[in-house]
Amino acid sequence: MIEMIAALQPLVVGVVLIWSARVKLFSRHAAAAAGRSALVRLVGPDRALPAYRLLGGVELALGGLLLLPPVLRSEGVAATVLSAGFLAYLGYARRVAPTSSCGCLSASTAPVSGRGMARAGLLVVAGGLSVLAGGGWLAALAARPVVGVTVLVGELAAVVALSPELDRAWLLPLRQLRVRLTHPLRGGSGVPLLATVQQLQLSDAYRRVASLLRSDVREHWDDDGWRFVLHAARFQGRPVTAVFAVPLADAQPGSVRVAVVDDATGHTLLRLAGTPPAAGPHLAVVPA
């Protein structure tokens, strides 16, 4: 198994290097990306762009050699040295120019971070494994295609996940999809959570226990026409949960109720009922 993984590393490193070279050599934003990078501090503002282009040329040449047969041990050594250089550069940039942009896999602005350094470390490991490759990546894929494709997809996904400059391409759309599916500002009733919090904070029940609260809203859910809103609190020196009940159909602050529940035992230590409606649910005594 380790032999097959090692044989696939030239393909992984080669693809990443060629992708990185594409940005440095062919992007119309390459000059701006170079100007935002730590190369300005390292080689000076006038040499930053030529150094950026030169690095792209090295990446393109080495990436092409890694992808094309035959696989030579010297190519793996060169890939390892280059990846180690990336890691050292990122460490330098984080120390002397923490606000500089990485400029590695995209022209987008992305400050040097632990994720980028972890990506460089992953490439160092991949380059080191490629030195051990006993055969070409094409033969390894042909011998065990399912396992090989799984390894490749997993490694390339890790590279993307560790690349802050690529977040706009996958992480932002994923977050937008989650917002569309979960509607975080709405409970099941369609009443915005913000409206509930405003009603809650204007209530007498909230004012009477406000000094006990130790958190913002921790949890909320809707049940039988009521929205239950939980806050962490302390009461008589013990950790408790303040459980507010806010009617969804009544916008009056006076109708808000609250119970203070002991976190350790689940016992209700304090219960304050609002004014109308006079009839309402009894707050369940549940562990927080």
C-alpha atoms as a PDB file:
ATOM      1  CA  MET A   1       0.000   0.000   0.000  1.00  0.00           C
ATOM      2  CA  ILE A   2       2.775   2.426   0.897  1.00  0.00           C
ATOM      3  CA  GLU A   3       4.444   1.692  -2.445  1.00  0.00           C
ATOM      4  CA  MET A   4       1.285   2.639  -4.318  1.00  0.00           C
ATOM      5  CA  ILE A   5       0.804   5.835  -2.271  1.00  0.00           C
ATOM      6  CA  ALA A   6       4.445   6.780  -2.886  1.00  0.00           C
ATOM      7  CA  ALA A   7       4.023   6.168  -6.609  1.00  0.00           C
ATOM      8  CA  LEU A   8       1.076   8.592  -6.723  1.00  0.00           C
ATOM      9  CA  GLN A   9       2.865  11.479  -5.004  1.00  0.00           C
ATOM     10  CA  PRO A  10       4.595  12.823  -8.141  1.00  0.00           C
ATOM     11  CA  LEU A  11       1.135  13.294  -9.647  1.00  0.00           C
ATOM     12  CA  VAL A  12      -0.163  15.113  -6.542  1.00  0.00           C
ATOM     13  CA  VAL A  13       2.842  17.408  -6.217  1.00  0.00           C
ATOM     14  CA  GLY A  14       3.020  17.986  -9.974  1.00  0.00           C
ATOM     15  CA  VAL A  15      -0.620  19.063 -10.201  1.00  0.00           C
ATOM     16  CA  VAL A  16      -0.243  21.469  -7.267  1.00  0.00           C
ATOM     17  CA  LEU A  17       2.954  22.974  -8.686  1.00  0.00           C
ATOM     18  CA  ILE A  18       1.455  23.493 -12.145  1.00  0.00           C
ATOM     19  CA  TRP A  19      -1.670  25.066 -10.636  1.00  0.00           C
ATOM     20  CA  SER A  20       0.514  27.396  -8.571  1.00  0.00           C
ATOM     21  CA  ALA A  21       2.632  28.251 -11.631  1.00  0.00           C
ATOM     22  CA  ARG A  22      -0.511  29.102 -13.608  1.00  0.00           C
ATOM     23  CA  VAL A  23      -1.250  31.919 -11.170  1.00  0.00           C
ATOM     24  CA  LYS A  24       2.291  33.301 -11.175  1.00  0.00           C
ATOM     25  CA  LEU A  25       2.855  33.135 -14.937  1.00  0.00           C
ATOM     26  CA  PHE A  26      -0.507  33.664 -16.604  1.00  0.00           C
ATOM     27  CA  SER A  27      -2.812  35.512 -14.194  1.00  0.00           C
ATOM     28  CA  ARG A  28      -3.453  39.168 -15.043  1.00  0.00           C
ATOM     29  CA  HIS A  29      -3.393  39.811 -11.289  1.00  0.00           C
ATOM     30  CA  ALA A  30       0.108  38.378 -10.825  1.00  0.00           C
ATOM     31  CA  ALA A  31       1.720  41.805 -10.329  1.00  0.00           C
ATOM     32  CA  ALA A  32      -0.776  42.725  -7.620  1.00  0.00           C
ATOM     33  CA  ALA A  33      -0.343  39.323  -5.953  1.00  0.00           C
ATOM     34  CA  ALA A  34       3.447  39.737  -5.931  1.00  0.00           C
ATOM     35  CA  GLY A  35       3.094  43.221  -4.450  1.00  0.00           C
ATOM     36  CA  ARG A  36       0.987  41.890  -1.586  1.00  0.00           C
ATOM     37  CA  SER A  37       3.395  39.038  -0.812  1.00  0.00           C
ATOM     38  CA  ALA A  38       6.364  38.929   1.564  1.00  0.00           C
ATOM     39  CA  LEU A  39       8.650  38.895  -1.488  1.00  0.00           C
ATOM     40  CA  VAL A  40       8.547  42.690  -1.271  1.00  0.00           C
ATOM     41  CA  ARG A  41      10.284  42.460   2.108  1.00  0.00           C
ATOM     42  CA  LEU A  42      12.537  39.597   1.058  1.00  0.00           C
ATOM     43  CA  VAL A  43      13.940  40.843  -2.287  1.00  0.00           C
ATOM     44  CA  GLY A  44      12.644  44.408  -2.513  1.00  0.00           C
ATOM     45  CA  PRO A  45       9.670  45.964  -4.324  1.00  0.00           C
ATOM     46  CA  ASP A  46      11.400  46.158  -7.715  1.00  0.00           C
ATOM     47  CA  ARG A  47      12.419  42.501  -7.713  1.00  0.00           C
ATOM     48  CA  ALA A  48       9.214  41.059  -6.218  1.00  0.00           C
ATOM     49  CA  LEU A  49       7.420  40.497  -9.527  1.00  0.00           C
ATOM     50  CA  PRO A  50      10.464  39.011 -11.378  1.00  0.00           C
ATOM     51  CA  ALA A  51      11.076  36.685  -8.419  1.00  0.00           C
ATOM     52  CA  TYR A  52       7.383  35.731  -8.431  1.00  0.00           C
ATOM     53  CA  ARG A  53       7.538  34.933 -12.152  1.00  0.00           C
ATOM     54  CA  LEU A  54      10.799  33.020 -11.753  1.00  0.00           C
ATOM     55  CA  LEU A  55       9.293  30.882  -9.022  1.00  0.00           C
ATOM     56  CA  GLY A  56       6.336  30.183 -11.298  1.00  0.00           C
ATOM     57  CA  GLY A  57       8.701  29.048 -14.046  1.00  0.00           C
ATOM     58  CA  VAL A  58      10.485  26.685 -11.645  1.00  0.00           C
ATOM     59  CA  GLU A  59       7.146  25.293 -10.467  1.00  0.00           C
ATOM     60  CA  LEU A  60       5.939  24.750 -14.040  1.00  0.00           C
ATOM     61  CA  ALA A  61       9.123  22.995 -15.105  1.00  0.00           C
ATOM     62  CA  LEU A  62       9.312  20.736 -12.064  1.00  0.00           C
ATOM     63  CA  GLY A  63       5.582  20.017 -12.134  1.00  0.00           C
ATOM     64  CA  GLY A  64       5.828  18.949 -15.763  1.00  0.00           C
ATOM     65  CA  LEU A  65       8.783  16.672 -15.024  1.00  0.00           C
ATOM     66  CA  LEU A  66       6.883  15.029 -12.161  1.00  0.00           C
ATOM     67  CA  LEU A  67       3.881  14.313 -14.363  1.00  0.00           C
ATOM     68  CA  LEU A  68       5.817  12.972 -17.346  1.00  0.00           C
ATOM     69  CA  PRO A  69       7.515   9.560 -17.342  1.00  0.00           C
ATOM     70  CA  PRO A  70       9.957   8.323 -16.343  1.00  0.00           C
ATOM     71  CA  VAL A  71       9.816   9.127 -12.616  1.00  0.00           C
ATOM     72  CA  LEU A  72      13.305   9.985 -11.408  1.00  0.00           C
ATOM     73  CA  ARG A  73      14.438  10.033  -7.803  1.00  0.00           C
ATOM     74  CA  SER A  74      16.101  13.407  -8.405  1.00  0.00           C
ATOM     75  CA  GLU A  75      12.705  14.905  -9.292  1.00  0.00           C
ATOM     76  CA  GLY A  76      11.299  13.765  -5.947  1.00  0.00           C
ATOM     77  CA  VAL A  77      14.292  15.259  -4.161  1.00  0.00           C
ATOM     78  CA  ALA A  78      13.810  18.555  -6.006  1.00  0.00           C
ATOM     79  CA  ALA A  79      10.104  18.578  -5.136  1.00  0.00           C
ATOM     80  CA  THR A  80      10.906  17.987  -1.470  1.00  0.00           C
ATOM     81  CA  VAL A  81      13.493  20.773  -1.407  1.00  0.00           C
ATOM     82  CA  LEU A  82      11.136  23.199  -3.171  1.00  0.00           C
ATOM     83  CA  SER A  83       8.265  22.377  -0.774  1.00  0.00           C
ATOM     84  CA  ALA A  84      10.578  22.834   2.202  1.00  0.00           C
ATOM     85  CA  GLY A  85      11.507  26.201   0.717  1.00  0.00           C
ATOM     86  CA  PHE A  86       7.827  27.124   0.549  1.00  0.00           C
ATOM     87  CA  LEU A  87       7.431  26.186   4.217  1.00  0.00           C
ATOM     88  CA  ALA A  88      10.458  28.272   5.209  1.00  0.00           C
ATOM     89  CA  TYR A  89       9.183  31.228   3.164  1.00  0.00           C
ATOM     90  CA  LEU A  90       5.757  31.076   4.823  1.00  0.00           C
ATOM     91  CA  GLY A  91       7.389  30.960   8.236  1.00  0.00           C
ATOM     92  CA  TYR A  92       9.452  34.026   7.302  1.00  0.00           C
ATOM     93  CA  ALA A  93       6.388  35.844   5.952  1.00  0.00           C
ATOM     94  CA  ARG A  94       4.360  35.104   9.056  1.00  0.00           C
ATOM     95  CA  ARG A  95       7.133  36.482  11.245  1.00  0.00           C
ATOM     96  CA  VAL A  96       8.190  39.636   9.379  1.00  0.00           C
ATOM     97  CA  ALA A  97       5.046  40.482   7.369  1.00  0.00           C
ATOM     98  CA  PRO A  98       2.026  38.863   9.031  1.00  0.00           C
ATOM     99  CA  THR A  99      -0.433  40.887   6.941  1.00  0.00           C
ATOM    100  CA  SER A 100       1.164  39.882   3.626  1.00  0.00           C
ATOM    101  CA  SER A 101      -0.706  37.603   1.241  1.00  0.00           C
ATOM    102  CA  CYS A 102       0.490  34.099   0.486  1.00  0.00           C
ATOM    103  CA  GLY A 103      -0.074  34.359  -3.278  1.00  0.00           C
ATOM    104  CA  CYS A 104       0.427  30.618  -3.633  1.00  0.00           C
ATOM    105  CA  LEU A 105      -2.502  28.984  -5.409  1.00  0.00           C
ATOM    106  CA  SER A 106      -4.603  32.025  -6.249  1.00  0.00           C
ATOM    107  CA  ALA A 107      -4.234  35.737  -6.861  1.00  0.00           C
ATOM    108  CA  SER A 108      -6.876  36.336  -4.177  1.00  0.00           C
ATOM    109  CA  THR A 109      -5.736  38.000  -0.983  1.00  0.00           C
ATOM    110  CA  ALA A 110      -5.199  35.468   1.800  1.00  0.00           C
ATOM    111  CA  PRO A 111      -2.915  36.227   4.761  1.00  0.00           C
ATOM    112  CA  VAL A 112      -0.283  33.644   5.647  1.00  0.00           C
ATOM    113  CA  SER A 113      -1.856  31.286   8.174  1.00  0.00           C
ATOM    114  CA  GLY A 114      -1.410  27.958   9.856  1.00  0.00           C
ATOM    115  CA  ARG A 115      -3.487  26.360   7.114  1.00  0.00           C
ATOM    116  CA  GLY A 116      -1.065  27.494   4.425  1.00  0.00           C
ATOM    117  CA  MET A 117       1.904  26.252   6.425  1.00  0.00           C
ATOM    118  CA  ALA A 118       0.169  22.893   6.954  1.00  0.00           C
ATOM    119  CA  ARG A 119      -0.353  22.674   3.183  1.00  0.00           C
ATOM    120  CA  ALA A 120       3.354  23.296   2.600  1.00  0.00           C
ATOM    121  CA  GLY A 121       4.139  20.628   5.188  1.00  0.00           C
ATOM    122  CA  LEU A 122       1.846  18.206   3.360  1.00  0.00           C
ATOM    123  CA  LEU A 123       3.741  18.872   0.135  1.00  0.00           C
ATOM    124  CA  VAL A 124       7.052  18.242   1.908  1.00  0.00           C
ATOM    125  CA  VAL A 125       5.751  14.840   3.029  1.00  0.00           C
ATOM    126  CA  ALA A 126       4.384  14.094  -0.453  1.00  0.00           C
ATOM    127  CA  GLY A 127       7.681  15.061  -2.034  1.00  0.00           C
ATOM    128  CA  GLY A 128       9.570  12.856   0.397  1.00  0.00           C
ATOM    129  CA  LEU A 129       7.311   9.907  -0.399  1.00  0.00           C
ATOM    130  CA  SER A 130       7.808  10.470  -4.110  1.00  0.00           C
ATOM    131  CA  VAL A 131      11.529   9.778  -3.625  1.00  0.00           C
ATOM    132  CA  LEU A 132      10.531   6.249  -2.573  1.00  0.00           C
ATOM    133  CA  ALA A 133       8.384   5.673  -5.657  1.00  0.00           C
ATOM    134  CA  GLY A 134       9.366   2.457  -7.356  1.00  0.00           C
ATOM    135  CA  GLY A 135       7.257   2.964 -10.452  1.00  0.00           C
ATOM    136  CA  GLY A 136       5.226   5.553 -12.308  1.00  0.00           C
ATOM    137  CA  TRP A 137       1.927   6.949 -11.080  1.00  0.00           C
ATOM    138  CA  LEU A 138       0.145   5.770 -14.233  1.00  0.00           C
ATOM    139  CA  ALA A 139       1.100   2.137 -13.559  1.00  0.00           C
ATOM    140  CA  ALA A 140      -0.002   2.481  -9.918  1.00  0.00           C
ATOM    141  CA  LEU A 141      -3.395   3.832 -10.993  1.00  0.00           C
ATOM    142  CA  ALA A 142      -3.826   1.079 -13.563  1.00  0.00           C
ATOM    143  CA  ALA A 143      -3.011  -1.618 -10.999  1.00  0.00           C
ATOM    144  CA  ARG A 144      -5.456  -0.371  -8.319  1.00  0.00           C
ATOM    145  CA  PRO A 145      -7.686   2.300  -9.879  1.00  0.00           C
ATOM    146  CA  VAL A 146     -10.322   2.599  -7.119  1.00  0.00           C
ATOM    147  CA  VAL A 147      -7.838   2.873  -4.272  1.00  0.00           C
ATOM    148  CA  GLY A 148      -5.577   5.115  -6.322  1.00  0.00           C
ATOM    149  CA  VAL A 149      -8.341   7.563  -7.249  1.00  0.00           C
ATOM    150  CA  THR A 150      -9.507   7.620  -3.622  1.00  0.00           C
ATOM    151  CA  VAL A 151      -6.003   8.504  -2.419  1.00  0.00           C
ATOM    152  CA  LEU A 152      -5.620  11.208  -5.069  1.00  0.00           C
ATOM    153  CA  VAL A 153      -9.010  12.782  -4.373  1.00  0.00           C
ATOM    154  CA  GLY A 154      -8.343  12.724  -0.628  1.00  0.00           C
ATOM    155  CA  GLU A 155      -4.934  14.377  -0.951  1.00  0.00           C
ATOM    156  CA  LEU A 156      -6.054  17.020  -3.407  1.00  0.00           C
ATOM    157  CA  ALA A 157      -9.107  17.759  -1.240  1.00  0.00           C
ATOM    158  CA  ALA A 158      -6.758  18.233   1.712  1.00  0.00           C
ATOM    159  CA  VAL A 159      -4.661  20.684  -0.340  1.00  0.00           C
ATOM    160  CA  VAL A 160      -7.794  22.663  -1.241  1.00  0.00           C
ATOM    161  CA  ALA A 161      -9.071  22.629   2.359  1.00  0.00           C
ATOM    162  CA  LEU A 162      -5.695  23.931   3.572  1.00  0.00           C
ATOM    163  CA  SER A 163      -5.690  26.784   1.031  1.00  0.00           C
ATOM    164  CA  PRO A 164      -7.405  29.912   2.408  1.00  0.00           C
ATOM    165  CA  GLU A 165      -7.086  31.622  -0.975  1.00  0.00           C
ATOM    166  CA  LEU A 166      -9.417  28.992  -2.469  1.00  0.00           C
ATOM    167  CA  ASP A 167     -12.158  29.401   0.167  1.00  0.00           C
ATOM    168  CA  ARG A 168     -14.145  31.646  -2.165  1.00  0.00           C
ATOM    169  CA  ALA A 169     -14.424  28.783  -4.653  1.00  0.00           C
ATOM    170  CA  TRP A 170     -15.841  26.142  -2.282  1.00  0.00           C
ATOM    171  CA  LEU A 171     -16.213  27.203   1.361  1.00  0.00           C
ATOM    172  CA  LEU A 172     -18.235  30.358   0.755  1.00  0.00           C
ATOM    173  CA  PRO A 173     -20.783  28.600  -1.534  1.00  0.00           C
ATOM    174  CA  LEU A 174     -21.040  25.786   1.027  1.00  0.00           C
ATOM    175  CA  ARG A 175     -21.799  28.262   3.809  1.00  0.00           C
ATOM    176  CA  GLN A 176     -24.357  30.027   1.631  1.00  0.00           C
ATOM    177  CA  LEU A 177     -26.042  26.691   0.909  1.00  0.00           C
ATOM    178  CA  ARG A 178     -26.166  25.869   4.624  1.00  0.00           C
ATOM    179  CA  VAL A 179     -27.792  29.237   5.349  1.00  0.00           C
ATOM    180  CA  ARG A 180     -30.391  28.659   2.632  1.00  0.00           C
ATOM    181  CA  LEU A 181     -31.186  25.185   3.948  1.00  0.00           C
ATOM    182  CA  THR A 182     -31.190  25.875   7.688  1.00  0.00           C
ATOM    183  CA  HIS A 183     -32.495  29.480   7.897  1.00  0.00           C
ATOM    184  CA  PRO A 184     -30.498  30.144  11.092  1.00  0.00           C
ATOM    185  CA  LEU A 185     -32.387  33.345  11.902  1.00  0.00           C
ATOM    186  CA  ARG A 186     -35.717  31.594  11.826  1.00  0.00           C
ATOM    187  CA  GLY A 187     -37.207  28.931  14.040  1.00  0.00           C
ATOM    188  CA  GLY A 188     -39.752  26.625  12.374  1.00  0.00           C
ATOM    189  CA  SER A 189     -42.456  29.278  12.705  1.00  0.00           C
ATOM    190  CA  GLY A 190     -40.954  31.819  10.310  1.00  0.00           C
ATOM    191  CA  VAL A 191     -40.564  34.372  13.135  1.00  0.00           C
ATOM    192  CA  PRO A 192     -36.997  35.744  13.031  1.00  0.00           C
ATOM    193  CA  LEU A 193     -34.915  34.922  16.078  1.00  0.00           C
ATOM    194  CA  LEU A 194     -33.919  38.598  16.307  1.00  0.00           C
ATOM    195  CA  ALA A 195     -37.563  39.587  16.826  1.00  0.00           C
ATOM    196  CA  THR A 196     -37.864  37.008  19.607  1.00  0.00           C
ATOM    197  CA  VAL A 197     -34.682  38.254  21.304  1.00  0.00           C
ATOM    198  CA  GLN A 198     -35.913  41.864  21.154  1.00  0.00           C
ATOM    199  CA  GLN A 199     -39.251  40.879  22.713  1.00  0.00           C
ATOM    200  CA  LEU A 200     -37.424  38.839  25.328  1.00  0.00           C
ATOM    201  CA  GLN A 201     -35.049  41.642  26.328  1.00  0.00           C
ATOM    202  CA  LEU A 202     -37.934  44.090  26.787  1.00  0.00           C
ATOM    203  CA  SER A 203     -39.753  41.718  29.155  1.00  0.00           C
ATOM    204  CA  ASP A 204     -39.997  42.006  32.918  1.00  0.00           C
ATOM    205  CA  ALA A 205     -38.938  38.348  33.220  1.00  0.00           C
ATOM    206  CA  TYR A 206     -35.655  39.091  31.413  1.00  0.00           C
ATOM    207  CA  ARG A 207     -34.917  42.200  33.492  1.00  0.00           C
ATOM    208  CA  ARG A 208     -35.475  40.281  36.728  1.00  0.00           C
ATOM    209  CA  VAL A 209     -32.908  37.607  35.863  1.00  0.00           C
ATOM    210  CA  ALA A 210     -30.545  39.651  33.678  1.00  0.00           C
ATOM    211  CA  SER A 211     -27.907  39.875  36.410  1.00  0.00           C
ATOM    212  CA  LEU A 212     -27.716  36.060  36.483  1.00  0.00           C
ATOM    213  CA  LEU A 213     -27.014  35.603  32.753  1.00  0.00           C
ATOM    214  CA  ARG A 214     -23.517  34.652  31.612  1.00  0.00           C
ATOM    215  CA  SER A 215     -23.979  34.105  27.851  1.00  0.00           C
ATOM    216  CA  ASP A 216     -25.849  35.147  24.772  1.00  0.00           C
ATOM    217  CA  VAL A 217     -28.434  32.795  23.248  1.00  0.00           C
ATOM    218  CA  ARG A 218     -27.013  29.247  23.405  1.00  0.00           C
ATOM    219  CA  GLU A 219     -29.938  27.320  21.954  1.00  0.00           C
ATOM    220  CA  HIS A 220     -33.501  27.830  20.820  1.00  0.00           C
ATOM    221  CA  TRP A 221     -36.390  25.768  19.463  1.00  0.00           C
ATOM    222  CA  ASP A 222     -40.122  26.095  18.781  1.00  0.00           C
ATOM    223  CA  ASP A 223     -42.795  23.934  20.380  1.00  0.00           C
ATOM    224  CA  ASP A 224     -46.597  24.265  20.506  1.00  0.00           C
ATOM    225  CA  GLY A 225     -46.693  27.973  19.696  1.00  0.00           C
ATOM    226  CA  TRP A 226     -43.801  28.934  21.944  1.00  0.00           C
ATOM    227  CA  ARG A 227     -40.139  29.613  21.313  1.00  0.00           C
ATOM    228  CA  PHE A 228     -37.791  28.438  24.052  1.00  0.00           C
ATOM    229  CA  VAL A 229     -34.529  30.390  24.338  1.00  0.00           C
ATOM    230  CA  LEU A 230     -31.645  29.215  26.533  1.00  0.00           C
ATOM    231  CA  HIS A 231     -28.923  31.285  28.234  1.00  0.00           C
ATOM    232  CA  ALA A 232     -26.107  30.105  30.499  1.00  0.00           C
ATOM    233  CA  ALA A 233     -26.387  31.675  33.964  1.00  0.00           C
ATOM    234  CA  ARG A 234     -25.290  31.426  37.597  1.00  0.00           C
ATOM    235  CA  PHE A 235     -27.709  31.344  40.537  1.00  0.00           C
ATOM    236  CA  GLN A 236     -26.660  31.121  44.178  1.00  0.00           C
ATOM    237  CA  GLY A 237     -23.112  30.242  43.115  1.00  0.00           C
ATOM    238  CA  ARG A 238     -24.048  27.290  40.894  1.00  0.00           C
ATOM    239  CA  PRO A 239     -24.145  26.939  37.084  1.00  0.00           C
ATOM    240  CA  VAL A 240     -27.701  27.043  35.775  1.00  0.00           C
ATOM    241  CA  THR A 241     -29.590  27.527  32.532  1.00  0.00           C
ATOM    242  CA  ALA A 242     -32.170  30.283  32.106  1.00  0.00           C
ATOM    243  CA  VAL A 243     -34.978  28.912  29.913  1.00  0.00           C
ATOM    244  CA  PHE A 244     -37.185  31.659  28.469  1.00  0.00           C
ATOM    245  CA  ALA A 245     -40.546  30.863  26.882  1.00  0.00           C
ATOM    246  CA  VAL A 246     -41.674  33.455  24.322  1.00  0.00           C
ATOM    247  CA  PRO A 247     -45.082  33.087  22.620  1.00  0.00           C
ATOM    248  CA  LEU A 248     -44.829  33.185  18.853  1.00  0.00           C
ATOM    249  CA  ALA A 249     -48.310  34.632  18.354  1.00  0.00           C
ATOM    250  CA  ASP A 250     -48.093  37.324  21.043  1.00  0.00           C
ATOM    251  CA  ALA A 251     -45.542  40.092  20.598  1.00  0.00           C
ATOM    252  CA  GLN A 252     -46.105  41.595  24.040  1.00  0.00           C
ATOM    253  CA  PRO A 253     -43.035  41.448  26.318  1.00  0.00           C
ATOM    254  CA  GLY A 254     -45.283  40.840  29.316  1.00  0.00           C
ATOM    255  CA  SER A 255     -46.135  37.350  28.096  1.00  0.00           C
ATOM    256  CA  VAL A 256     -42.526  36.079  28.363  1.00  0.00           C
ATOM    257  CA  ARG A 257     -41.846  33.449  31.032  1.00  0.00           C
ATOM    258  CA  VAL A 258     -38.589  32.175  32.479  1.00  0.00           C
ATOM    259  CA  ALA A 259     -37.382  29.205  34.507  1.00  0.00           C
ATOM    260  CA  VAL A 260     -33.938  28.815  36.070  1.00  0.00           C
ATOM    261  CA  VAL A 261     -32.812  25.179  35.900  1.00  0.00           C
ATOM    262  CA  ASP A 262     -29.910  23.679  37.858  1.00  0.00           C
ATOM    263  CA  ASP A 263     -27.381  22.229  35.391  1.00  0.00           C
ATOM    264  CA  ALA A 264     -26.287  19.470  37.769  1.00  0.00           C
ATOM    265  CA  THR A 265     -29.656  18.181  38.990  1.00  0.00           C
ATOM    266  CA  GLY A 266     -32.183  19.418  36.442  1.00  0.00           C
ATOM    267  CA  HIS A 267     -34.324  20.900  39.203  1.00  0.00           C
ATOM    268  CA  THR A 268     -36.139  24.183  38.605  1.00  0.00           C
ATOM    269  CA  LEU A 269     -34.781  26.697  41.121  1.00  0.00           C
ATOM    270  CA  LEU A 270     -36.841  29.702  40.040  1.00  0.00           C
ATOM    271  CA  ARG A 271     -39.885  30.242  37.845  1.00  0.00           C
ATOM    272  CA  LEU A 272     -41.269  33.625  36.837  1.00  0.00           C
ATOM    273  CA  ALA A 273     -44.533  33.790  34.916  1.00  0.00           C
ATOM    274  CA  GLY A 274     -45.424  36.672  32.684  1.00  0.00           C
ATOM    275  CA  THR A 275     -48.682  38.533  32.512  1.00  0.00           C
ATOM    276  CA  PRO A 276     -51.121  37.469  29.791  1.00  0.00           C
ATOM    277  CA  PRO A 277     -51.738  34.973  28.403  1.00  0.00           C
ATOM    278  CA  ALA A 278     -52.692  33.503  31.745  1.00  0.00           C
ATOM    279  CA  ALA A 279     -52.807  29.976  30.338  1.00  0.00           C
ATOM    280  CA  GLY A 280     -49.634  28.575  28.894  1.00  0.00           C
ATOM    281  CA  PRO A 281     -47.379  25.562  28.949  1.00  0.00           C
ATOM    282  CA  HIS A 282     -45.578  24.477  32.067  1.00  0.00           C
ATOM    283  CA  LEU A 283     -41.843  24.643  31.517  1.00  0.00           C
ATOM    284  CA  ALA A 284     -40.355  21.186  31.487  1.00  0.00           C
ATOM    285  CA  VAL A 285     -37.743  20.508  34.160  1.00  0.00           C
ATOM    286  CA  VAL A 286     -34.900  19.146  32.073  1.00  0.00           C
ATOM    287  CA  PRO A 287     -31.134  19.022  32.533  1.00  0.00           C
ATOM    288  CA  ALA A 288     -29.365  21.765  30.635  1.00  0.00           C
END
